[in-house]
Amino acid sequence: MSSDTTDLTWFKSSHSGSQGDDCVEVAIAEQGVHIRDSKDVTRPSFAVGRDGWSSFVRYASES
C-alpha cells in the first residue's frame, strides 16, 4: 500500500466525543483503510487491507 497519505480524506467516528481526546481518524483508499492518531496527525499512519478492516469492524460492533 502506498505510504503517501497527503491526498486522503480523513474522518472521525460519529461516536467520538466533543473533547477529541481519544480518537483515531480513518481514510478509505482504493487499496485499504488508513488509520492515524487524531491528536498527532504528523505521526505516521498505518494501513490495513479492506478484508482486515471489515473483520475489525465486525468484531468491534459485536463487543
C-alpha atoms as a PDB file:
ATOM      1  CA  MET A   1       0.000   0.000   0.000  1.00  0.00           C
ATOM      2  CA  SER A   2       1.199   3.488  -0.756  1.00  0.00           C
ATOM      3  CA  SER A   3       2.624   5.465   2.154  1.00  0.00           C
ATOM      4  CA  ASP A   4       1.584   8.812   0.630  1.00  0.00           C
ATOM      5  CA  THR A   5      -1.459   9.914   2.604  1.00  0.00           C
ATOM      6  CA  THR A   6      -1.498  13.611   1.691  1.00  0.00           C
ATOM      7  CA  ASP A   7      -4.435  13.302  -0.715  1.00  0.00           C
ATOM      8  CA  LEU A   8      -6.637  11.204   1.559  1.00  0.00           C
ATOM      9  CA  THR A   9      -9.822  12.471   3.183  1.00  0.00           C
ATOM     10  CA  TRP A  10      -9.681  11.714   6.904  1.00  0.00           C
ATOM     11  CA  PHE A  11     -12.680  11.404   9.193  1.00  0.00           C
ATOM     12  CA  LYS A  12     -13.508  10.524  12.804  1.00  0.00           C
ATOM     13  CA  SER A  13     -16.250   8.270  14.056  1.00  0.00           C
ATOM     14  CA  SER A  14     -19.588   9.854  14.868  1.00  0.00           C
ATOM     15  CA  HIS A  15     -19.089   8.245  18.302  1.00  0.00           C
ATOM     16  CA  SER A  16     -16.076  10.468  19.024  1.00  0.00           C
ATOM     17  CA  GLY A  17     -16.610  12.815  21.910  1.00  0.00           C
ATOM     18  CA  SER A  18     -16.504  16.576  21.580  1.00  0.00           C
ATOM     19  CA  GLN A  19     -13.278  16.669  23.602  1.00  0.00           C
ATOM     20  CA  GLY A  20     -11.366  14.928  20.811  1.00  0.00           C
ATOM     21  CA  ASP A  21      -9.053  13.222  23.267  1.00  0.00           C
ATOM     22  CA  ASP A  22      -9.182   9.504  22.451  1.00  0.00           C
ATOM     23  CA  CYS A  23      -9.866   9.367  18.756  1.00  0.00           C
ATOM     24  CA  VAL A  24      -8.458   7.863  15.657  1.00  0.00           C
ATOM     25  CA  GLU A  25      -9.116   9.010  12.135  1.00  0.00           C
ATOM     26  CA  VAL A  26      -9.576   6.779   9.134  1.00  0.00           C
ATOM     27  CA  ALA A  27      -9.256   7.370   5.417  1.00  0.00           C
ATOM     28  CA  ILE A  28     -10.546   4.939   2.842  1.00  0.00           C
ATOM     29  CA  ALA A  29      -8.302   4.335  -0.148  1.00  0.00           C
ATOM     30  CA  GLU A  30      -8.573   2.009  -3.098  1.00  0.00           C
ATOM     31  CA  GLN A  31      -6.106  -0.463  -1.559  1.00  0.00           C
ATOM     32  CA  GLY A  32      -7.436  -0.380   2.019  1.00  0.00           C
ATOM     33  CA  VAL A  33      -8.046   1.760   5.072  1.00  0.00           C
ATOM     34  CA  HIS A  34      -5.500   4.096   6.646  1.00  0.00           C
ATOM     35  CA  ILE A  35      -5.630   4.807  10.389  1.00  0.00           C
ATOM     36  CA  ARG A  36      -3.925   7.610  12.348  1.00  0.00           C
ATOM     37  CA  ASP A  37      -3.946   9.240  15.767  1.00  0.00           C
ATOM     38  CA  SER A  38      -6.145  12.336  15.630  1.00  0.00           C
ATOM     39  CA  LYS A  39      -4.179  14.006  18.423  1.00  0.00           C
ATOM     40  CA  ASP A  40      -0.936  13.970  16.436  1.00  0.00           C
ATOM     41  CA  VAL A  41      -1.569  13.767  12.704  1.00  0.00           C
ATOM     42  CA  THR A  42       2.134  14.364  11.985  1.00  0.00           C
ATOM     43  CA  ARG A  43       2.934  10.838  13.169  1.00  0.00           C
ATOM     44  CA  PRO A  44       2.874   8.066  10.595  1.00  0.00           C
ATOM     45  CA  SER A  45      -0.392   6.333   9.877  1.00  0.00           C
ATOM     46  CA  PHE A  46      -0.760   2.637   9.217  1.00  0.00           C
ATOM     47  CA  ALA A  47      -2.948   0.828   6.747  1.00  0.00           C
ATOM     48  CA  VAL A  48      -4.865  -2.413   6.618  1.00  0.00           C
ATOM     49  CA  GLY A  49      -6.466  -4.173   3.704  1.00  0.00           C
ATOM     50  CA  ARG A  50     -10.204  -3.996   3.176  1.00  0.00           C
ATOM     51  CA  ASP A  51     -10.731  -7.566   4.427  1.00  0.00           C
ATOM     52  CA  GLY A  52      -8.801  -6.833   7.617  1.00  0.00           C
ATOM     53  CA  TRP A  53     -10.775  -3.638   8.201  1.00  0.00           C
ATOM     54  CA  SER A  54     -14.083  -5.440   7.653  1.00  0.00           C
ATOM     55  CA  SER A  55     -13.083  -8.106  10.176  1.00  0.00           C
ATOM     56  CA  PHE A  56     -12.136  -5.438  12.724  1.00  0.00           C
ATOM     57  CA  VAL A  57     -15.422  -3.541  12.289  1.00  0.00           C
ATOM     58  CA  ARG A  58     -17.434  -6.766  12.664  1.00  0.00           C
ATOM     59  CA  TYR A  59     -15.518  -7.667  15.828  1.00  0.00           C
ATOM     60  CA  ALA A  60     -15.878  -4.155  17.311  1.00  0.00           C
ATOM     61  CA  SER A  61     -19.615  -3.994  16.612  1.00  0.00           C
ATOM     62  CA  GLU A  62     -20.162  -7.318  18.398  1.00  0.00           C
ATOM     63  CA  SER A  63     -18.334  -6.168  21.551  1.00  0.00           C
END
